[in-house]
Structure formats: C-alpha cells, structure tokens
Amino acid sequence: MYELIPPVVNFSILIIVLVYFTRKPVKEFVANRQSQIRAEVEEARAQKLEAQRRYQEFTVKLKAFEAEAQQILSRAQTDGEAMRSKLIKDAQANADRIVKDAESTALSNIQEYKDQIRRETIATAVEMAEKVIRDRLSTDDQRRIVTEYVGKVQQK
C-alpha cells in the first residue's frame, strides 16, 4: 500500500500546481464565456422582441389591408349594382322609345293605308258609277243632263 503513496502525492502536487497556475486563466475563460453567453442570450431576447414587434406591426397592416380590400370589394359591388340599375333603366327607356316609335310608325302606316284604300275605293266606285251611268243612260239622257247642269251653272 505504501507504493501508492508517492504517485498519489505526485498527482496531488500536480493538481495543486495546475490549479495554482491555471486558476486565473480558467476563471477568466469561464467569466468570458459566461458574459459571452449572457450577451448572446440578450441579443436573442432583443431579436425575439423585435420579431414580436414586427409581427404585431405586420398583423396590424394585414388587418388594415383586409379592411381596405373589403371596402374596395363593397364599393365595387355597390358601383356594379348602380351600373346594373342604370343599364336596366336605360334599356327600359330605349325599349319604351322603340315601342313608341313602332306604334307611331304603325299608326302612320295604318292611316296611310286607310287613305290609300279610301282613294282606291272612291276611284273604283266612280269608275263603276260611270260605267253604270253610261250603260243605263241614253244619248238623249246625257244631253238633257248636260243641258240641266249648264243651266244651273249659268244661274249661279
């Protein structure tokens, strides 16, 4: 067992020497590493806060864009309905005007056809009357009628 004492003593001396000489650099290294980790944690925390702030900002902008899009859609729908109503109103006015024009043209054509039929009927009646009169009147009757007519004209 005595054989183990010198290596243990040597090892203990080595540890004491190592601790004595490396204590300050190890302490500085640990302190530096600790401050570096703290700085990285703080930077990560700041980045997280910035990301949250930007998320909130973009959320607000997105809601504003959605509201604006809804307003535009609503306006477009209202404008479309107004345009549709106007087109229907204009089409109805045009249809009414076309119907009135057609009625006017039809009435004009009917009156024109009535006048034409009346003229043709009168002309046909006159022709038929002349034919009947010629066929029934003799030459003496024709002279007598002409003489009476001339007499009446002279009296007036």
C-alpha atoms as a PDB file:
ATOM      1  CA  MET A   1       0.000   0.000   0.000  1.00  0.00           C
ATOM      2  CA  TYR A   2       2.915   2.247   0.555  1.00  0.00           C
ATOM      3  CA  GLU A   3       3.584   2.001  -3.063  1.00  0.00           C
ATOM      4  CA  LEU A   4       0.578   4.090  -3.899  1.00  0.00           C
ATOM      5  CA  ILE A   5       1.514   6.998  -1.708  1.00  0.00           C
ATOM      6  CA  PRO A   6       4.202   8.505  -3.969  1.00  0.00           C
ATOM      7  CA  PRO A   7       2.035   8.540  -7.106  1.00  0.00           C
ATOM      8  CA  VAL A   8      -0.902   9.976  -5.140  1.00  0.00           C
ATOM      9  CA  VAL A   9       1.353  12.643  -3.645  1.00  0.00           C
ATOM     10  CA  ASN A  10       2.777  13.398  -7.078  1.00  0.00           C
ATOM     11  CA  PHE A  11      -0.691  13.601  -8.529  1.00  0.00           C
ATOM     12  CA  SER A  12      -1.852  15.868  -5.687  1.00  0.00           C
ATOM     13  CA  ILE A  13       1.136  18.156  -6.203  1.00  0.00           C
ATOM     14  CA  LEU A  14       0.420  18.223  -9.917  1.00  0.00           C
ATOM     15  CA  ILE A  15      -3.189  19.160  -9.279  1.00  0.00           C
ATOM     16  CA  ILE A  16      -2.192  21.869  -6.789  1.00  0.00           C
ATOM     17  CA  VAL A  17       0.337  23.305  -9.240  1.00  0.00           C
ATOM     18  CA  LEU A  18      -2.123  23.129 -12.101  1.00  0.00           C
ATOM     19  CA  VAL A  19      -4.851  24.762 -10.029  1.00  0.00           C
ATOM     20  CA  TYR A  20      -2.456  27.439  -8.817  1.00  0.00           C
ATOM     21  CA  PHE A  21      -1.232  28.320 -12.308  1.00  0.00           C
ATOM     22  CA  THR A  22      -4.407  27.713 -14.300  1.00  0.00           C
ATOM     23  CA  ARG A  23      -6.940  29.014 -11.831  1.00  0.00           C
ATOM     24  CA  LYS A  24      -6.770  32.602 -13.066  1.00  0.00           C
ATOM     25  CA  PRO A  25      -6.891  31.787 -16.842  1.00  0.00           C
ATOM     26  CA  VAL A  26      -9.678  29.230 -16.316  1.00  0.00           C
ATOM     27  CA  LYS A  27     -11.574  31.717 -14.165  1.00  0.00           C
ATOM     28  CA  GLU A  28     -11.164  34.385 -16.861  1.00  0.00           C
ATOM     29  CA  PHE A  29     -12.173  31.908 -19.569  1.00  0.00           C
ATOM     30  CA  VAL A  30     -15.297  30.895 -17.632  1.00  0.00           C
ATOM     31  CA  ALA A  31     -16.128  34.548 -16.890  1.00  0.00           C
ATOM     32  CA  ASN A  32     -15.615  35.499 -20.559  1.00  0.00           C
ATOM     33  CA  ARG A  33     -17.663  32.541 -21.724  1.00  0.00           C
ATOM     34  CA  GLN A  34     -20.389  33.399 -19.219  1.00  0.00           C
ATOM     35  CA  SER A  35     -20.507  37.038 -20.349  1.00  0.00           C
ATOM     36  CA  GLN A  36     -20.473  35.922 -23.999  1.00  0.00           C
ATOM     37  CA  ILE A  37     -23.407  33.566 -23.372  1.00  0.00           C
ATOM     38  CA  ARG A  38     -25.247  36.352 -21.495  1.00  0.00           C
ATOM     39  CA  ALA A  39     -24.645  38.715 -24.426  1.00  0.00           C
ATOM     40  CA  GLU A  40     -25.913  36.102 -26.878  1.00  0.00           C
ATOM     41  CA  VAL A  41     -28.980  35.475 -24.701  1.00  0.00           C
ATOM     42  CA  GLU A  42     -29.649  39.224 -24.513  1.00  0.00           C
ATOM     43  CA  GLU A  43     -29.190  39.550 -28.277  1.00  0.00           C
ATOM     44  CA  ALA A  44     -31.562  36.613 -28.835  1.00  0.00           C
ATOM     45  CA  ARG A  45     -34.057  38.208 -26.433  1.00  0.00           C
ATOM     46  CA  ALA A  46     -33.762  41.543 -28.294  1.00  0.00           C
ATOM     47  CA  GLN A  47     -34.212  39.777 -31.639  1.00  0.00           C
ATOM     48  CA  LYS A  48     -37.242  37.965 -30.256  1.00  0.00           C
ATOM     49  CA  LEU A  49     -38.746  41.259 -29.075  1.00  0.00           C
ATOM     50  CA  GLU A  50     -38.014  42.838 -32.472  1.00  0.00           C
ATOM     51  CA  ALA A  51     -39.590  39.856 -34.222  1.00  0.00           C
ATOM     52  CA  GLN A  52     -42.670  40.130 -31.984  1.00  0.00           C
ATOM     53  CA  ARG A  53     -42.887  43.865 -32.639  1.00  0.00           C
ATOM     54  CA  ARG A  54     -42.621  43.313 -36.398  1.00  0.00           C
ATOM     55  CA  TYR A  55     -45.182  40.508 -36.174  1.00  0.00           C
ATOM     56  CA  GLN A  56     -47.590  42.865 -34.412  1.00  0.00           C
ATOM     57  CA  GLU A  57     -46.862  45.573 -36.978  1.00  0.00           C
ATOM     58  CA  PHE A  58     -47.481  43.212 -39.897  1.00  0.00           C
ATOM     59  CA  THR A  59     -50.620  41.878 -38.223  1.00  0.00           C
ATOM     60  CA  VAL A  60     -51.976  45.426 -37.940  1.00  0.00           C
ATOM     61  CA  LYS A  61     -51.037  46.160 -41.561  1.00  0.00           C
ATOM     62  CA  LEU A  62     -52.633  42.905 -42.703  1.00  0.00           C
ATOM     63  CA  LYS A  63     -55.859  43.768 -40.887  1.00  0.00           C
ATOM     64  CA  ALA A  64     -55.786  47.234 -42.463  1.00  0.00           C
ATOM     65  CA  PHE A  65     -55.248  45.703 -45.913  1.00  0.00           C
ATOM     66  CA  GLU A  66     -58.076  43.239 -45.325  1.00  0.00           C
ATOM     67  CA  ALA A  67     -60.370  46.076 -44.256  1.00  0.00           C
ATOM     68  CA  GLU A  68     -59.361  48.135 -47.288  1.00  0.00           C
ATOM     69  CA  ALA A  69     -59.879  45.148 -49.579  1.00  0.00           C
ATOM     70  CA  GLN A  70     -63.324  44.642 -48.054  1.00  0.00           C
ATOM     71  CA  GLN A  71     -64.134  48.330 -48.603  1.00  0.00           C
ATOM     72  CA  ILE A  72     -62.948  48.141 -52.212  1.00  0.00           C
ATOM     73  CA  LEU A  73     -64.991  45.000 -52.757  1.00  0.00           C
ATOM     74  CA  SER A  74     -68.029  46.618 -51.161  1.00  0.00           C
ATOM     75  CA  ARG A  75     -67.562  49.773 -53.244  1.00  0.00           C
ATOM     76  CA  ALA A  76     -67.161  47.708 -56.407  1.00  0.00           C
ATOM     77  CA  GLN A  77     -70.304  45.766 -55.580  1.00  0.00           C
ATOM     78  CA  THR A  78     -72.236  48.986 -54.912  1.00  0.00           C
ATOM     79  CA  ASP A  79     -70.906  50.548 -58.126  1.00  0.00           C
ATOM     80  CA  GLY A  80     -71.775  47.389 -60.030  1.00  0.00           C
ATOM     81  CA  GLU A  81     -75.320  47.415 -58.679  1.00  0.00           C
ATOM     82  CA  ALA A  82     -75.671  51.107 -59.555  1.00  0.00           C
ATOM     83  CA  MET A  83     -74.319  50.477 -63.047  1.00  0.00           C
ATOM     84  CA  ARG A  84     -76.651  47.491 -63.437  1.00  0.00           C
ATOM     85  CA  SER A  85     -79.632  49.610 -62.356  1.00  0.00           C
ATOM     86  CA  LYS A  86     -78.614  52.386 -64.741  1.00  0.00           C
ATOM     87  CA  LEU A  87     -78.195  49.940 -67.623  1.00  0.00           C
ATOM     88  CA  ILE A  88     -81.593  48.404 -66.891  1.00  0.00           C
ATOM     89  CA  LYS A  89     -83.159  51.870 -66.674  1.00  0.00           C
ATOM     90  CA  ASP A  90     -81.506  52.956 -69.942  1.00  0.00           C
ATOM     91  CA  ALA A  91     -82.517  49.719 -71.651  1.00  0.00           C
ATOM     92  CA  GLN A  92     -86.101  50.156 -70.448  1.00  0.00           C
ATOM     93  CA  ALA A  93     -86.127  53.757 -71.692  1.00  0.00           C
ATOM     94  CA  ASN A  94     -84.760  52.629 -75.067  1.00  0.00           C
ATOM     95  CA  ALA A  95     -87.323  49.829 -75.239  1.00  0.00           C
ATOM     96  CA  ASP A  96     -90.137  52.277 -74.414  1.00  0.00           C
ATOM     97  CA  ARG A  97     -88.872  54.690 -77.056  1.00  0.00           C
ATOM     98  CA  ILE A  98     -88.644  51.893 -79.633  1.00  0.00           C
ATOM     99  CA  VAL A  99     -92.188  50.748 -78.774  1.00  0.00           C
ATOM    100  CA  LYS A 100     -93.491  54.321 -79.082  1.00  0.00           C
ATOM    101  CA  ASP A 101     -91.677  54.784 -82.386  1.00  0.00           C
ATOM    102  CA  ALA A 102     -93.050  51.466 -83.635  1.00  0.00           C
ATOM    103  CA  GLU A 103     -96.576  52.407 -82.531  1.00  0.00           C
ATOM    104  CA  SER A 104     -96.247  55.807 -84.182  1.00  0.00           C
ATOM    105  CA  THR A 105     -94.932  54.244 -87.384  1.00  0.00           C
ATOM    106  CA  ALA A 106     -97.660  51.602 -87.312  1.00  0.00           C
ATOM    107  CA  LEU A 107    -100.379  54.233 -86.777  1.00  0.00           C
ATOM    108  CA  SER A 108     -98.922  56.342 -89.568  1.00  0.00           C
ATOM    109  CA  ASN A 109     -98.800  53.332 -91.877  1.00  0.00           C
ATOM    110  CA  ILE A 110    -102.347  52.336 -90.915  1.00  0.00           C
ATOM    111  CA  GLN A 111    -103.612  55.866 -91.651  1.00  0.00           C
ATOM    112  CA  GLU A 112    -101.707  55.905 -94.940  1.00  0.00           C
ATOM    113  CA  TYR A 113    -103.150  52.507 -95.903  1.00  0.00           C
ATOM    114  CA  LYS A 114    -106.650  53.668 -94.916  1.00  0.00           C
ATOM    115  CA  ASP A 115    -106.267  56.781 -97.071  1.00  0.00           C
ATOM    116  CA  GLN A 116    -104.963  54.697 -99.970  1.00  0.00           C
ATOM    117  CA  ILE A 117    -107.831  52.194 -99.615  1.00  0.00           C
ATOM    118  CA  ARG A 118    -110.316  55.094 -99.418  1.00  0.00           C
ATOM    119  CA  ARG A 119    -108.868  56.665-102.589  1.00  0.00           C
ATOM    120  CA  GLU A 120    -108.870  53.336-104.398  1.00  0.00           C
ATOM    121  CA  THR A 121    -112.409  52.596-103.210  1.00  0.00           C
ATOM    122  CA  ILE A 122    -113.609  56.032-104.326  1.00  0.00           C
ATOM    123  CA  ALA A 123    -111.858  55.658-107.680  1.00  0.00           C
ATOM    124  CA  THR A 124    -113.346  52.203-108.156  1.00  0.00           C
ATOM    125  CA  ALA A 125    -116.785  53.454-107.103  1.00  0.00           C
ATOM    126  CA  VAL A 126    -116.522  56.385-109.521  1.00  0.00           C
ATOM    127  CA  GLU A 127    -115.458  54.055-112.326  1.00  0.00           C
ATOM    128  CA  MET A 128    -118.291  51.680-111.549  1.00  0.00           C
ATOM    129  CA  ALA A 129    -120.776  54.555-111.309  1.00  0.00           C
ATOM    130  CA  GLU A 130    -119.567  55.956-114.632  1.00  0.00           C
ATOM    131  CA  LYS A 131    -119.910  52.563-116.223  1.00  0.00           C
ATOM    132  CA  VAL A 132    -123.396  52.067-114.802  1.00  0.00           C
ATOM    133  CA  ILE A 133    -124.434  55.562-115.852  1.00  0.00           C
ATOM    134  CA  ARG A 134    -123.035  55.074-119.363  1.00  0.00           C
ATOM    135  CA  ASP A 135    -124.730  51.745-119.696  1.00  0.00           C
ATOM    136  CA  ARG A 136    -128.132  52.994-118.447  1.00  0.00           C
ATOM    137  CA  LEU A 137    -128.247  56.485-119.896  1.00  0.00           C
ATOM    138  CA  SER A 138    -129.033  57.003-123.454  1.00  0.00           C
ATOM    139  CA  THR A 139    -127.577  59.718-125.600  1.00  0.00           C
ATOM    140  CA  ASP A 140    -130.709  61.831-125.124  1.00  0.00           C
ATOM    141  CA  ASP A 141    -130.488  61.457-121.338  1.00  0.00           C
ATOM    142  CA  GLN A 142    -126.840  62.528-121.408  1.00  0.00           C
ATOM    143  CA  ARG A 143    -127.693  65.665-123.429  1.00  0.00           C
ATOM    144  CA  ARG A 144    -130.551  66.531-121.109  1.00  0.00           C
ATOM    145  CA  ILE A 145    -128.284  66.175-118.005  1.00  0.00           C
ATOM    146  CA  VAL A 146    -125.563  68.296-119.592  1.00  0.00           C
ATOM    147  CA  THR A 147    -128.120  70.960-120.504  1.00  0.00           C
ATOM    148  CA  GLU A 148    -129.548  70.995-116.965  1.00  0.00           C
ATOM    149  CA  TYR A 149    -126.068  71.234-115.471  1.00  0.00           C
ATOM    150  CA  VAL A 150    -125.092  74.094-117.767  1.00  0.00           C
ATOM    151  CA  GLY A 151    -128.347  75.853-116.875  1.00  0.00           C
ATOM    152  CA  LYS A 152    -127.692  75.525-113.185  1.00  0.00           C
ATOM    153  CA  VAL A 153    -124.158  76.790-113.583  1.00  0.00           C
ATOM    154  CA  GLN A 154    -125.387  79.821-115.510  1.00  0.00           C
ATOM    155  CA  GLN A 155    -127.933  80.630-112.796  1.00  0.00           C
ATOM    156  CA  LYS A 156    -125.345  80.689-110.132  1.00  0.00           C
END
